[in-house]
Amino acid sequence: MPTAERIDLVLLDVGGPIYDDVAYRDALLRAAQELAAEEGRDIDEAEFQRVCDDHRQQQAGSLRSKIAERFFTPALRERLSDLAQRYWEYPASCLYDDVLPALRLVSERYRIALVANQRTEVLRALRRDGVAEHVDIWAISEALGVEKPDPRIFRHALREAGVDPANAVHVGNRLDSDVRGAKGVGLRTVWVLRGEAPPNPTPEQLAETDLAVRTLAELPDALEQLSS
């Protein structure tokens, strides 16, 4: 673990830490079923889930691409992606119960930046569910035109906050886009093991992050540990 530095900014992902990733899985399945129906065939949902589970364990690449490769021709990837984006939304029931209590505690000590590969439409859900009131800095991929793990999205949040990487921690549930992306910019990381994270990460995967938690209820203590 790196030498402890004061934490001034907590960067936080949306899908996984805040909302259940099942919302995106369901949107992608609906899109795949619609495209398959146009070709007069069905999608085997069990096989679809096996692709999703394998993607979670590998922690690399795009789930959209893997679904397109398994069930469609490469030419249909963009249509699949566009349809999934259209159907992708977070109902209030997808908000994890531990989110708001954790954010209340975290926001008492740190500034919070939301850094996520999302449509700007997600702001409606975040405002509806009381999450937005705890966020100081916004870095939404659709608005910025870059996605994690691109360093520019992390640097945008740091620049807006006026904080050095050494004084910031990124909290996300993807090893490739969150943990590795943030590490590449010099951030410490907390890996949230839910959503698209593997249910049983390997020791090698766990070694890539500074700390791992399974719920946001553990986040305040994790941040305290990283700064002490």
C-alpha atoms as a PDB file:
ATOM      1  CA  MET A   1       0.000   0.000   0.000  1.00  0.00           C
ATOM      2  CA  PRO A   2       1.317   3.497  -0.831  1.00  0.00           C
ATOM      3  CA  THR A   3       2.468   5.861   1.900  1.00  0.00           C
ATOM      4  CA  ALA A   4      -0.617   7.377   3.525  1.00  0.00           C
ATOM      5  CA  GLU A   5      -1.514  10.857   2.333  1.00  0.00           C
ATOM      6  CA  ARG A   6      -4.344  13.114   3.365  1.00  0.00           C
ATOM      7  CA  ILE A   7      -7.548  12.413   1.398  1.00  0.00           C
ATOM      8  CA  ASP A   8      -9.310  15.497   0.072  1.00  0.00           C
ATOM      9  CA  LEU A   9     -11.408  13.959  -2.710  1.00  0.00           C
ATOM     10  CA  VAL A  10     -13.279  10.697  -3.148  1.00  0.00           C
ATOM     11  CA  LEU A  11     -14.067   9.769  -6.754  1.00  0.00           C
ATOM     12  CA  LEU A  12     -17.069   7.457  -6.991  1.00  0.00           C
ATOM     13  CA  ASP A  13     -18.471   5.239  -9.745  1.00  0.00           C
ATOM     14  CA  VAL A  14     -22.240   4.846 -10.323  1.00  0.00           C
ATOM     15  CA  GLY A  15     -23.039   1.370 -11.674  1.00  0.00           C
ATOM     16  CA  GLY A  16     -22.076  -1.153  -9.003  1.00  0.00           C
ATOM     17  CA  PRO A  17     -21.236   1.055  -6.030  1.00  0.00           C
ATOM     18  CA  ILE A  18     -24.463   3.119  -6.150  1.00  0.00           C
ATOM     19  CA  TYR A  19     -26.916   1.240  -8.355  1.00  0.00           C
ATOM     20  CA  ASP A  20     -27.257  -2.479  -8.982  1.00  0.00           C
ATOM     21  CA  ASP A  21     -25.635  -3.374 -12.328  1.00  0.00           C
ATOM     22  CA  VAL A  22     -28.562  -5.681 -13.067  1.00  0.00           C
ATOM     23  CA  ALA A  23     -30.235  -2.638 -14.659  1.00  0.00           C
ATOM     24  CA  TYR A  24     -27.641  -2.567 -17.436  1.00  0.00           C
ATOM     25  CA  ARG A  25     -27.641  -6.352 -17.788  1.00  0.00           C
ATOM     26  CA  ASP A  26     -31.406  -6.293 -18.291  1.00  0.00           C
ATOM     27  CA  ALA A  27     -31.190  -3.439 -20.823  1.00  0.00           C
ATOM     28  CA  LEU A  28     -28.559  -5.344 -22.805  1.00  0.00           C
ATOM     29  CA  LEU A  29     -30.615  -8.553 -22.724  1.00  0.00           C
ATOM     30  CA  ARG A  30     -33.701  -6.699 -23.942  1.00  0.00           C
ATOM     31  CA  ALA A  31     -31.696  -5.156 -26.781  1.00  0.00           C
ATOM     32  CA  ALA A  32     -30.226  -8.539 -27.745  1.00  0.00           C
ATOM     33  CA  GLN A  33     -33.633 -10.198 -27.714  1.00  0.00           C
ATOM     34  CA  GLU A  34     -35.055  -7.458 -29.924  1.00  0.00           C
ATOM     35  CA  LEU A  35     -32.280  -7.801 -32.494  1.00  0.00           C
ATOM     36  CA  ALA A  36     -32.534 -11.585 -32.476  1.00  0.00           C
ATOM     37  CA  ALA A  37     -36.305 -11.396 -32.991  1.00  0.00           C
ATOM     38  CA  GLU A  38     -35.708  -9.379 -36.152  1.00  0.00           C
ATOM     39  CA  GLU A  39     -33.749 -12.377 -37.438  1.00  0.00           C
ATOM     40  CA  GLY A  40     -36.478 -14.812 -36.425  1.00  0.00           C
ATOM     41  CA  ARG A  41     -34.615 -16.404 -33.538  1.00  0.00           C
ATOM     42  CA  ASP A  42     -34.358 -16.276 -29.743  1.00  0.00           C
ATOM     43  CA  ILE A  43     -31.568 -15.513 -27.322  1.00  0.00           C
ATOM     44  CA  ASP A  44     -30.781 -18.311 -24.880  1.00  0.00           C
ATOM     45  CA  GLU A  45     -30.922 -16.382 -21.598  1.00  0.00           C
ATOM     46  CA  ALA A  46     -28.825 -18.979 -19.783  1.00  0.00           C
ATOM     47  CA  GLU A  47     -26.082 -18.612 -22.399  1.00  0.00           C
ATOM     48  CA  PHE A  48     -26.420 -14.829 -22.202  1.00  0.00           C
ATOM     49  CA  GLN A  49     -25.866 -15.027 -18.438  1.00  0.00           C
ATOM     50  CA  ARG A  50     -22.823 -17.278 -18.904  1.00  0.00           C
ATOM     51  CA  VAL A  51     -21.240 -14.592 -21.103  1.00  0.00           C
ATOM     52  CA  CYS A  52     -22.007 -11.984 -18.405  1.00  0.00           C
ATOM     53  CA  ASP A  53     -20.544 -14.154 -15.650  1.00  0.00           C
ATOM     54  CA  ASP A  54     -17.383 -14.838 -17.653  1.00  0.00           C
ATOM     55  CA  HIS A  55     -17.038 -11.108 -18.284  1.00  0.00           C
ATOM     56  CA  ARG A  56     -17.286 -10.420 -14.540  1.00  0.00           C
ATOM     57  CA  GLN A  57     -14.526 -12.875 -13.784  1.00  0.00           C
ATOM     58  CA  GLN A  58     -12.168 -11.699 -16.529  1.00  0.00           C
ATOM     59  CA  GLN A  59     -12.526  -7.982 -15.660  1.00  0.00           C
ATOM     60  CA  ALA A  60     -11.466  -6.899 -19.124  1.00  0.00           C
ATOM     61  CA  GLY A  61     -13.117  -5.559 -22.254  1.00  0.00           C
ATOM     62  CA  SER A  62     -16.647  -4.507 -23.103  1.00  0.00           C
ATOM     63  CA  LEU A  63     -19.660  -6.624 -22.200  1.00  0.00           C
ATOM     64  CA  ARG A  64     -21.504  -5.175 -25.205  1.00  0.00           C
ATOM     65  CA  SER A  65     -18.741  -6.407 -27.495  1.00  0.00           C
ATOM     66  CA  LYS A  66     -18.751  -9.867 -25.940  1.00  0.00           C
ATOM     67  CA  ILE A  67     -22.512 -10.210 -26.301  1.00  0.00           C
ATOM     68  CA  ALA A  68     -22.309  -8.981 -29.898  1.00  0.00           C
ATOM     69  CA  GLU A  69     -19.517 -11.441 -30.690  1.00  0.00           C
ATOM     70  CA  ARG A  70     -21.418 -14.364 -29.147  1.00  0.00           C
ATOM     71  CA  PHE A  71     -24.866 -13.754 -30.636  1.00  0.00           C
ATOM     72  CA  PHE A  72     -24.504 -11.421 -33.637  1.00  0.00           C
ATOM     73  CA  THR A  73     -22.279 -10.295 -36.468  1.00  0.00           C
ATOM     74  CA  PRO A  74     -19.801  -7.475 -35.742  1.00  0.00           C
ATOM     75  CA  ALA A  75     -21.905  -5.154 -37.901  1.00  0.00           C
ATOM     76  CA  LEU A  76     -24.703  -5.275 -35.313  1.00  0.00           C
ATOM     77  CA  ARG A  77     -22.576  -4.202 -32.350  1.00  0.00           C
ATOM     78  CA  GLU A  78     -23.462  -0.522 -32.692  1.00  0.00           C
ATOM     79  CA  ARG A  79     -27.178  -1.280 -33.006  1.00  0.00           C
ATOM     80  CA  LEU A  80     -26.967  -3.492 -29.932  1.00  0.00           C
ATOM     81  CA  SER A  81     -25.162  -0.729 -28.043  1.00  0.00           C
ATOM     82  CA  ASP A  82     -27.637   1.944 -29.123  1.00  0.00           C
ATOM     83  CA  LEU A  83     -30.651  -0.153 -28.122  1.00  0.00           C
ATOM     84  CA  ALA A  84     -29.143  -1.038 -24.762  1.00  0.00           C
ATOM     85  CA  GLN A  85     -28.427   2.630 -24.064  1.00  0.00           C
ATOM     86  CA  ARG A  86     -32.044   3.474 -24.873  1.00  0.00           C
ATOM     87  CA  TYR A  87     -33.373   0.895 -22.409  1.00  0.00           C
ATOM     88  CA  TRP A  88     -30.772   1.537 -19.687  1.00  0.00           C
ATOM     89  CA  GLU A  89     -32.206   3.350 -16.700  1.00  0.00           C
ATOM     90  CA  TYR A  90     -32.050   2.950 -12.937  1.00  0.00           C
ATOM     91  CA  PRO A  91     -35.367   2.573 -11.111  1.00  0.00           C
ATOM     92  CA  ALA A  92     -35.326   3.629  -7.471  1.00  0.00           C
ATOM     93  CA  SER A  93     -35.342  -0.052  -6.508  1.00  0.00           C
ATOM     94  CA  CYS A  94     -31.793  -0.396  -7.937  1.00  0.00           C
ATOM     95  CA  LEU A  95     -30.315   1.986  -5.346  1.00  0.00           C
ATOM     96  CA  TYR A  96     -28.404  -0.015  -2.749  1.00  0.00           C
ATOM     97  CA  ASP A  97     -29.643   0.550   0.804  1.00  0.00           C
ATOM     98  CA  ASP A  98     -26.154   1.367   2.085  1.00  0.00           C
ATOM     99  CA  VAL A  99     -25.519   4.244  -0.354  1.00  0.00           C
ATOM    100  CA  LEU A 100     -27.149   7.253   1.290  1.00  0.00           C
ATOM    101  CA  PRO A 101     -25.984   6.458   4.841  1.00  0.00           C
ATOM    102  CA  ALA A 102     -22.436   5.993   3.532  1.00  0.00           C
ATOM    103  CA  LEU A 103     -22.496   9.201   1.480  1.00  0.00           C
ATOM    104  CA  ARG A 104     -23.711  11.208   4.456  1.00  0.00           C
ATOM    105  CA  LEU A 105     -20.709  10.053   6.462  1.00  0.00           C
ATOM    106  CA  VAL A 106     -18.200  10.400   3.627  1.00  0.00           C
ATOM    107  CA  SER A 107     -19.387  13.890   2.636  1.00  0.00           C
ATOM    108  CA  GLU A 108     -18.820  15.125   6.189  1.00  0.00           C
ATOM    109  CA  ARG A 109     -15.062  14.608   5.749  1.00  0.00           C
ATOM    110  CA  TYR A 110     -14.310  14.601   2.020  1.00  0.00           C
ATOM    111  CA  ARG A 111     -15.425  16.191  -1.210  1.00  0.00           C
ATOM    112  CA  ILE A 112     -17.059  13.728  -3.590  1.00  0.00           C
ATOM    113  CA  ALA A 113     -16.632  13.511  -7.366  1.00  0.00           C
ATOM    114  CA  LEU A 114     -18.875  11.252  -9.398  1.00  0.00           C
ATOM    115  CA  VAL A 115     -16.822   9.664 -12.203  1.00  0.00           C
ATOM    116  CA  ALA A 116     -18.824   7.301 -14.356  1.00  0.00           C
ATOM    117  CA  ASN A 117     -19.273   5.821 -17.814  1.00  0.00           C
ATOM    118  CA  GLN A 118     -22.889   6.871 -18.104  1.00  0.00           C
ATOM    119  CA  ARG A 119     -25.364   8.864 -20.143  1.00  0.00           C
ATOM    120  CA  THR A 120     -26.185  12.273 -18.692  1.00  0.00           C
ATOM    121  CA  GLU A 121     -29.700  10.851 -18.220  1.00  0.00           C
ATOM    122  CA  VAL A 122     -28.376   9.200 -15.049  1.00  0.00           C
ATOM    123  CA  LEU A 123     -28.493  12.605 -13.334  1.00  0.00           C
ATOM    124  CA  ARG A 124     -32.275  12.338 -13.137  1.00  0.00           C
ATOM    125  CA  ALA A 125     -32.045   9.134 -11.110  1.00  0.00           C
ATOM    126  CA  LEU A 126     -29.293  10.508  -8.889  1.00  0.00           C
ATOM    127  CA  ARG A 127     -31.345  13.606  -8.093  1.00  0.00           C
ATOM    128  CA  ARG A 128     -34.523  11.602  -7.574  1.00  0.00           C
ATOM    129  CA  ASP A 129     -32.825   9.257  -5.115  1.00  0.00           C
ATOM    130  CA  GLY A 130     -30.999  11.905  -3.063  1.00  0.00           C
ATOM    131  CA  VAL A 131     -27.515  10.973  -4.235  1.00  0.00           C
ATOM    132  CA  ALA A 132     -26.763  14.167  -6.165  1.00  0.00           C
ATOM    133  CA  GLU A 133     -26.927  16.398  -3.103  1.00  0.00           C
ATOM    134  CA  HIS A 134     -23.760  14.758  -1.800  1.00  0.00           C
ATOM    135  CA  VAL A 135     -21.777  15.234  -5.041  1.00  0.00           C
ATOM    136  CA  ASP A 136     -19.441  18.217  -5.493  1.00  0.00           C
ATOM    137  CA  ILE A 137     -17.809  17.382  -8.843  1.00  0.00           C
ATOM    138  CA  TRP A 138     -19.327  15.728 -11.911  1.00  0.00           C
ATOM    139  CA  ALA A 139     -17.442  13.704 -14.528  1.00  0.00           C
ATOM    140  CA  ILE A 140     -20.011  11.891 -16.689  1.00  0.00           C
ATOM    141  CA  SER A 141     -18.577  10.225 -19.780  1.00  0.00           C
ATOM    142  CA  GLU A 142     -21.315  11.305 -22.200  1.00  0.00           C
ATOM    143  CA  ALA A 143     -20.856  14.954 -21.205  1.00  0.00           C
ATOM    144  CA  LEU A 144     -17.054  14.813 -21.418  1.00  0.00           C
ATOM    145  CA  GLY A 145     -16.715  12.592 -24.485  1.00  0.00           C
ATOM    146  CA  VAL A 146     -14.269  10.209 -22.768  1.00  0.00           C
ATOM    147  CA  GLU A 147     -14.775   7.023 -20.777  1.00  0.00           C
ATOM    148  CA  LYS A 148     -12.841   5.276 -18.038  1.00  0.00           C
ATOM    149  CA  PRO A 149     -10.119   4.037 -18.111  1.00  0.00           C
ATOM    150  CA  ASP A 150      -9.123   7.094 -20.187  1.00  0.00           C
ATOM    151  CA  PRO A 151      -7.019   9.225 -17.812  1.00  0.00           C
ATOM    152  CA  ARG A 152      -8.739  12.395 -18.993  1.00  0.00           C
ATOM    153  CA  ILE A 153     -11.963  11.625 -17.140  1.00  0.00           C
ATOM    154  CA  PHE A 154     -10.117  11.190 -13.837  1.00  0.00           C
ATOM    155  CA  ARG A 155      -7.981  14.262 -14.453  1.00  0.00           C
ATOM    156  CA  HIS A 156     -11.086  16.314 -15.191  1.00  0.00           C
ATOM    157  CA  ALA A 157     -12.456  15.516 -11.720  1.00  0.00           C
ATOM    158  CA  LEU A 158      -9.108  16.265 -10.085  1.00  0.00           C
ATOM    159  CA  ARG A 159      -8.751  19.538 -11.968  1.00  0.00           C
ATOM    160  CA  GLU A 160     -12.292  20.659 -11.120  1.00  0.00           C
ATOM    161  CA  ALA A 161     -11.635  19.920  -7.459  1.00  0.00           C
ATOM    162  CA  GLY A 162      -8.136  21.406  -7.457  1.00  0.00           C
ATOM    163  CA  VAL A 163      -6.771  18.238  -5.853  1.00  0.00           C
ATOM    164  CA  ASP A 164      -3.553  16.327  -6.540  1.00  0.00           C
ATOM    165  CA  PRO A 165      -3.806  12.597  -7.356  1.00  0.00           C
ATOM    166  CA  ALA A 166      -1.923  11.768  -4.155  1.00  0.00           C
ATOM    167  CA  ASN A 167      -4.790  13.250  -2.163  1.00  0.00           C
ATOM    168  CA  ALA A 168      -7.610  11.412  -3.892  1.00  0.00           C
ATOM    169  CA  VAL A 169      -9.126   7.927  -3.860  1.00  0.00           C
ATOM    170  CA  HIS A 170     -11.255   6.324  -6.563  1.00  0.00           C
ATOM    171  CA  VAL A 171     -14.048   3.934  -5.563  1.00  0.00           C
ATOM    172  CA  GLY A 172     -15.402   1.621  -8.275  1.00  0.00           C
ATOM    173  CA  ASN A 173     -16.369  -1.953  -9.034  1.00  0.00           C
ATOM    174  CA  ARG A 174     -14.454  -2.639 -12.261  1.00  0.00           C
ATOM    175  CA  LEU A 175     -10.842  -3.749 -12.077  1.00  0.00           C
ATOM    176  CA  ASP A 176     -10.019  -2.673 -15.627  1.00  0.00           C
ATOM    177  CA  SER A 177     -11.775   0.683 -15.992  1.00  0.00           C
ATOM    178  CA  ASP A 178     -11.869   1.742 -12.329  1.00  0.00           C
ATOM    179  CA  VAL A 179      -8.897   0.328 -10.450  1.00  0.00           C
ATOM    180  CA  ARG A 180      -6.376   0.217 -13.289  1.00  0.00           C
ATOM    181  CA  GLY A 181      -7.600   3.448 -14.822  1.00  0.00           C
ATOM    182  CA  ALA A 182      -7.334   5.318 -11.536  1.00  0.00           C
ATOM    183  CA  LYS A 183      -3.971   3.779 -10.658  1.00  0.00           C
ATOM    184  CA  GLY A 184      -2.635   4.988 -13.973  1.00  0.00           C
ATOM    185  CA  VAL A 185      -3.341   8.562 -12.901  1.00  0.00           C
ATOM    186  CA  GLY A 186      -1.753   8.079  -9.482  1.00  0.00           C
ATOM    187  CA  LEU A 187      -4.904   7.605  -7.413  1.00  0.00           C
ATOM    188  CA  ARG A 188      -5.392   5.181  -4.585  1.00  0.00           C
ATOM    189  CA  THR A 189      -8.298   2.805  -5.089  1.00  0.00           C
ATOM    190  CA  VAL A 190     -11.077   1.013  -3.257  1.00  0.00           C
ATOM    191  CA  TRP A 191     -12.560  -1.885  -5.211  1.00  0.00           C
ATOM    192  CA  VAL A 192     -16.258  -2.500  -4.487  1.00  0.00           C
ATOM    193  CA  LEU A 193     -16.942  -6.215  -4.918  1.00  0.00           C
ATOM    194  CA  ARG A 194     -20.478  -6.149  -6.247  1.00  0.00           C
ATOM    195  CA  GLY A 195     -22.228  -5.612  -9.553  1.00  0.00           C
ATOM    196  CA  GLU A 196     -19.777  -6.294 -12.386  1.00  0.00           C
ATOM    197  CA  ALA A 197     -16.996  -7.228  -9.954  1.00  0.00           C
ATOM    198  CA  PRO A 198     -16.292 -10.965  -9.714  1.00  0.00           C
ATOM    199  CA  PRO A 199     -18.018 -12.617  -6.728  1.00  0.00           C
ATOM    200  CA  ASN A 200     -14.789 -14.425  -5.854  1.00  0.00           C
ATOM    201  CA  PRO A 201     -11.816 -12.347  -7.027  1.00  0.00           C
ATOM    202  CA  THR A 202      -8.450 -14.031  -7.263  1.00  0.00           C
ATOM    203  CA  PRO A 203      -5.550 -13.057  -4.992  1.00  0.00           C
ATOM    204  CA  GLU A 204      -3.846 -11.585  -8.059  1.00  0.00           C
ATOM    205  CA  GLN A 205      -6.873  -9.392  -8.775  1.00  0.00           C
ATOM    206  CA  LEU A 206      -7.149  -8.247  -5.162  1.00  0.00           C
ATOM    207  CA  ALA A 207      -3.458  -7.339  -5.161  1.00  0.00           C
ATOM    208  CA  GLU A 208      -4.147  -4.659  -7.799  1.00  0.00           C
ATOM    209  CA  THR A 209      -6.227  -2.481  -5.477  1.00  0.00           C
ATOM    210  CA  ASP A 210      -5.333  -0.777  -2.206  1.00  0.00           C
ATOM    211  CA  LEU A 211      -8.449  -2.022  -0.431  1.00  0.00           C
ATOM    212  CA  ALA A 212     -11.529  -4.045  -1.326  1.00  0.00           C
ATOM    213  CA  VAL A 213     -14.977  -3.761   0.260  1.00  0.00           C
ATOM    214  CA  ARG A 214     -18.245  -5.572  -0.392  1.00  0.00           C
ATOM    215  CA  THR A 215     -20.591  -2.767   0.655  1.00  0.00           C
ATOM    216  CA  LEU A 216     -20.454   1.025   0.840  1.00  0.00           C
ATOM    217  CA  ALA A 217     -21.123   0.692   4.554  1.00  0.00           C
ATOM    218  CA  GLU A 218     -17.441  -0.296   4.759  1.00  0.00           C
ATOM    219  CA  LEU A 219     -16.261   2.748   2.796  1.00  0.00           C
ATOM    220  CA  PRO A 220     -15.834   5.301   5.634  1.00  0.00           C
ATOM    221  CA  ASP A 221     -13.559   2.910   7.546  1.00  0.00           C
ATOM    222  CA  ALA A 222     -11.666   2.042   4.354  1.00  0.00           C
ATOM    223  CA  LEU A 223     -10.981   5.716   3.653  1.00  0.00           C
ATOM    224  CA  GLU A 224      -9.838   6.199   7.246  1.00  0.00           C
ATOM    225  CA  GLN A 225      -7.468   3.260   6.838  1.00  0.00           C
ATOM    226  CA  LEU A 226      -6.011   4.669   3.624  1.00  0.00           C
ATOM    227  CA  SER A 227      -5.284   8.042   5.203  1.00  0.00           C
ATOM    228  CA  SER A 228      -3.755   6.799   8.457  1.00  0.00           C
END
